[in-house]
């Protein structure tokens, strides 16, 4: 299996950093093996120089440990992918992301749109509300809402199941466009590399 991070991102595996490993492990189930955890080149540079990274955007590829040595048939993959999608039929361009996520419990994932569905790939756009940021004011504090967008993709490549995720903090519709574009390009790149 050949894995490569998209342009502008670097795999952190070579660093051996427990901090980066913990962050990667927090993004996926303990039953998965992390194959690639990528952060932006700027974040990796900051981290390497001892400065705090922003971690605004990052990516992950994992595989289920129970199936990492097994090959999966296309029919079994389709059943797994259908289960993951759960019949989601959200609008492809669902308007106000912040408005859709404001009422969510902190940390709860909400499916927002189906990005792709074909025999070897199912990809969903999901969002979550993060802990609000406290902003000190002269009289008390205000809270700023924080949101995260994630594309969750399940793909079958050379008989192996990969879970591919792209994460970005949500601040504007540009972030939605970014996560959609990067997800589509990265899936295509991984498929090309593993033909």
Protein backbone atom coordinates (compact mmCIF):
# COMPACT_ATOMS: atom_id res chain seq x y z
CA UNK A 1 0.00 0.00 0.00
CA UNK A 2 1.45 3.36 -1.05
CA UNK A 3 0.39 6.39 1.02
CA UNK A 4 1.36 9.99 0.46
CA UNK A 5 0.10 13.20 2.05
CA UNK A 6 -1.31 15.91 -0.23
CA UNK A 7 0.90 18.85 -1.23
CA UNK A 8 1.49 21.24 1.66
CA UNK A 9 1.20 18.46 4.27
CA UNK A 10 3.74 16.09 5.77
CA UNK A 11 3.47 12.69 7.42
CA UNK A 12 4.50 12.98 11.08
CA UNK A 13 5.37 9.31 11.61
CA UNK A 14 9.11 9.93 11.29
CA UNK A 15 9.11 12.34 14.25
CA UNK A 16 8.32 9.61 16.80
CA UNK A 17 6.61 12.31 18.88
CA UNK A 18 4.27 10.98 21.59
CA UNK A 19 2.30 14.25 21.43
CA UNK A 20 1.57 13.88 17.72
CA UNK A 21 0.84 10.17 18.17
CA UNK A 22 -1.68 10.96 20.94
CA UNK A 23 -3.41 13.54 18.75
CA UNK A 24 -3.64 11.05 15.88
CA UNK A 25 -4.97 8.32 18.18
CA UNK A 26 -7.66 10.69 19.51
CA UNK A 27 -9.03 11.04 15.96
CA UNK A 28 -9.82 7.39 15.33
CA UNK A 29 -11.09 4.31 17.12
CA UNK A 30 -8.62 2.30 19.21
CA UNK A 31 -9.52 -0.65 16.98
CA UNK A 32 -7.80 1.09 14.03
CA UNK A 33 -4.12 1.18 13.12
CA UNK A 34 -2.88 4.60 12.05
CA UNK A 35 -1.04 4.41 8.74
CA UNK A 36 -0.46 8.14 8.15
CA UNK A 37 -1.01 11.28 10.21
CA UNK A 38 -0.24 14.46 8.30
CA UNK A 39 -0.09 18.06 9.46
CA UNK A 40 0.57 21.18 7.43
CA UNK A 41 4.19 21.85 6.52
CA UNK A 42 3.99 25.08 8.59
CA UNK A 43 2.75 23.19 11.67
CA UNK A 44 5.49 20.59 11.33
CA UNK A 45 8.09 23.35 11.04
CA UNK A 46 6.70 25.07 14.18
CA UNK A 47 6.61 21.76 16.05
CA UNK A 48 10.21 20.94 15.03
CA UNK A 49 11.37 24.35 16.30
CA UNK A 50 9.62 23.93 19.66
CA UNK A 51 6.83 26.41 18.87
CA UNK A 52 3.16 25.51 19.37
CA UNK A 53 1.52 24.31 16.12
CA UNK A 54 -1.89 25.71 15.14
CA UNK A 55 -3.35 22.31 14.15
CA UNK A 56 -5.97 24.10 12.03
CA UNK A 57 -5.90 21.44 9.32
CA UNK A 58 -4.65 17.86 9.43
CA UNK A 59 -5.27 14.44 7.87
CA UNK A 60 -5.34 10.80 8.84
CA UNK A 61 -5.34 7.39 7.16
CA UNK A 62 -6.14 4.32 9.26
CA UNK A 63 -7.19 0.72 8.74
CA UNK A 64 -9.16 -1.63 10.99
CA UNK A 65 -6.63 -3.77 12.93
CA UNK A 66 -8.86 -6.84 12.64
CA UNK A 67 -8.74 -6.61 8.84
CA UNK A 68 -5.27 -5.24 8.14
CA UNK A 69 -3.94 -8.62 6.94
CA UNK A 70 -7.17 -9.72 5.27
CA UNK A 71 -8.48 -8.82 1.83
CA UNK A 72 -12.07 -7.65 1.59
CA UNK A 73 -14.35 -8.54 -1.30
CA UNK A 74 -16.11 -5.65 -3.07
CA UNK A 75 -19.56 -6.90 -1.97
CA UNK A 76 -18.51 -6.95 1.70
CA UNK A 77 -17.03 -3.46 1.31
CA UNK A 78 -20.31 -2.14 -0.16
CA UNK A 79 -22.21 -3.49 2.87
CA UNK A 80 -19.71 -1.83 5.22
CA UNK A 81 -19.86 1.46 3.29
CA UNK A 82 -23.68 1.45 3.25
CA UNK A 83 -23.66 0.93 7.00
CA UNK A 84 -21.25 3.85 7.44
CA UNK A 85 -23.35 6.17 5.29
CA UNK A 86 -26.47 5.13 7.16
CA UNK A 87 -28.74 6.15 4.32
CA UNK A 88 -27.58 9.78 4.49
CA UNK A 89 -29.13 11.85 1.77
CA UNK A 90 -28.27 15.37 2.95
CA UNK A 91 -28.22 18.17 0.38
CA UNK A 92 -24.92 18.31 -1.49
CA UNK A 93 -24.51 22.03 -0.73
CA UNK A 94 -26.14 22.49 2.65
CA UNK A 95 -26.04 26.28 3.28
CA UNK A 96 -25.21 27.64 6.72
CA UNK A 97 -22.79 25.17 8.35
CA UNK A 98 -22.46 27.14 11.59
CA UNK A 99 -26.25 27.33 11.89
CA UNK A 100 -26.53 23.56 11.45
CA UNK A 101 -23.91 22.89 14.13
CA UNK A 102 -24.77 25.51 16.78
CA UNK A 103 -27.39 23.40 18.52
CA UNK A 104 -25.29 20.23 18.53
CA UNK A 105 -23.81 18.88 21.76
CA UNK A 106 -20.07 19.58 21.99
CA UNK A 107 -18.15 16.75 20.27
CA UNK A 108 -21.17 15.14 18.56
CA UNK A 109 -20.62 14.50 14.84
CA UNK A 110 -23.39 15.61 12.51
CA UNK A 111 -23.54 14.32 8.92
CA UNK A 112 -23.83 17.28 6.56
CA UNK A 113 -23.48 15.90 3.03
CA UNK A 114 -22.50 12.89 0.97
CA UNK A 115 -19.37 13.80 -0.99
CA UNK A 116 -18.94 10.64 -3.03
CA UNK A 117 -20.38 7.15 -3.37
CA UNK A 118 -19.13 4.57 -5.82
CA UNK A 119 -18.24 0.85 -5.59
CA UNK A 120 -14.83 1.52 -3.96
CA UNK A 121 -15.44 4.79 -2.06
CA UNK A 122 -18.02 6.35 0.23
CA UNK A 123 -17.23 9.81 1.57
CA UNK A 124 -19.23 12.02 3.94
CA UNK A 125 -18.85 15.60 5.11
CA UNK A 126 -19.44 15.85 8.86
CA UNK A 127 -19.28 18.68 11.36
CA UNK A 128 -18.96 19.06 15.09
CA UNK A 129 -19.20 21.85 17.62
CA UNK A 130 -16.08 22.25 19.76
CA UNK A 131 -15.78 23.82 23.21
CA UNK A 132 -16.44 27.57 22.92
CA UNK A 133 -13.51 29.94 23.41
CA UNK A 134 -13.85 32.35 26.34
CA UNK A 135 -13.06 35.91 25.30
CA UNK A 136 -12.36 38.31 28.20
CA UNK A 137 -14.19 41.63 28.04
CA UNK A 138 -14.09 44.67 30.29
CA UNK A 139 -17.28 43.47 31.97
CA UNK A 140 -17.26 39.66 32.02
CA UNK A 141 -16.53 37.28 29.17
CA UNK A 142 -18.04 36.38 25.82
CA UNK A 143 -17.95 33.00 24.13
CA UNK A 144 -16.95 32.41 20.54
CA UNK A 145 -18.38 29.26 18.98
CA UNK A 146 -15.87 26.88 17.40
CA UNK A 147 -16.63 24.27 14.76
CA UNK A 148 -14.70 21.50 13.00
CA UNK A 149 -15.43 19.98 9.60
CA UNK A 150 -14.32 16.46 8.79
CA UNK A 151 -14.54 14.39 5.67
CA UNK A 152 -14.84 10.73 6.59
CA UNK A 153 -14.03 8.42 3.70
CA UNK A 154 -14.07 4.64 3.57
CA UNK A 155 -12.27 3.24 0.55
CA UNK A 156 -11.30 -0.16 -0.79
CA UNK A 157 -7.81 -0.21 -2.27
CA UNK A 158 -6.12 -3.43 -3.41
CA UNK A 159 -8.56 -5.36 -1.25
CA UNK A 160 -7.67 -3.34 1.85
CA UNK A 161 -10.06 -1.04 3.71
CA UNK A 162 -8.78 2.47 4.39
CA UNK A 163 -10.40 5.13 6.54
CA UNK A 164 -9.30 8.51 5.17
CA UNK A 165 -10.11 11.71 7.08
CA UNK A 166 -9.47 15.38 6.40
CA UNK A 167 -10.00 17.89 9.24
CA UNK A 168 -10.31 21.67 9.25
CA UNK A 169 -11.51 24.24 11.74
CA UNK A 170 -14.57 25.94 10.27
CA UNK A 171 -14.46 29.71 10.06
CA UNK A 172 -16.06 30.45 6.68
CA UNK A 173 -17.55 28.73 3.62
CA UNK A 174 -14.01 28.70 2.19
CA UNK A 175 -13.21 25.96 4.73
CA UNK A 176 -16.09 23.85 3.39
CA UNK A 177 -14.81 24.28 -0.17
CA UNK A 178 -11.26 23.43 0.98
CA UNK A 179 -12.21 20.19 2.75
CA UNK A 180 -14.31 19.08 -0.24
CA UNK A 181 -11.55 19.82 -2.77
CA UNK A 182 -8.73 18.26 -0.72
CA UNK A 183 -10.77 15.15 0.03
CA UNK A 184 -11.63 14.60 -3.65
CA UNK A 185 -8.04 15.18 -4.79
CA UNK A 186 -6.53 12.99 -2.07
CA UNK A 187 -8.88 10.07 -2.77
CA UNK A 188 -7.97 10.27 -6.47
CA UNK A 189 -4.26 10.43 -5.60
CA UNK A 190 -4.45 7.39 -3.30
CA UNK A 191 -6.34 5.43 -5.95
CA UNK A 192 -3.75 6.33 -8.62
CA UNK A 193 -0.84 5.35 -6.35
CA UNK A 194 -2.41 1.97 -5.55
CA UNK A 195 -3.66 0.70 -8.91
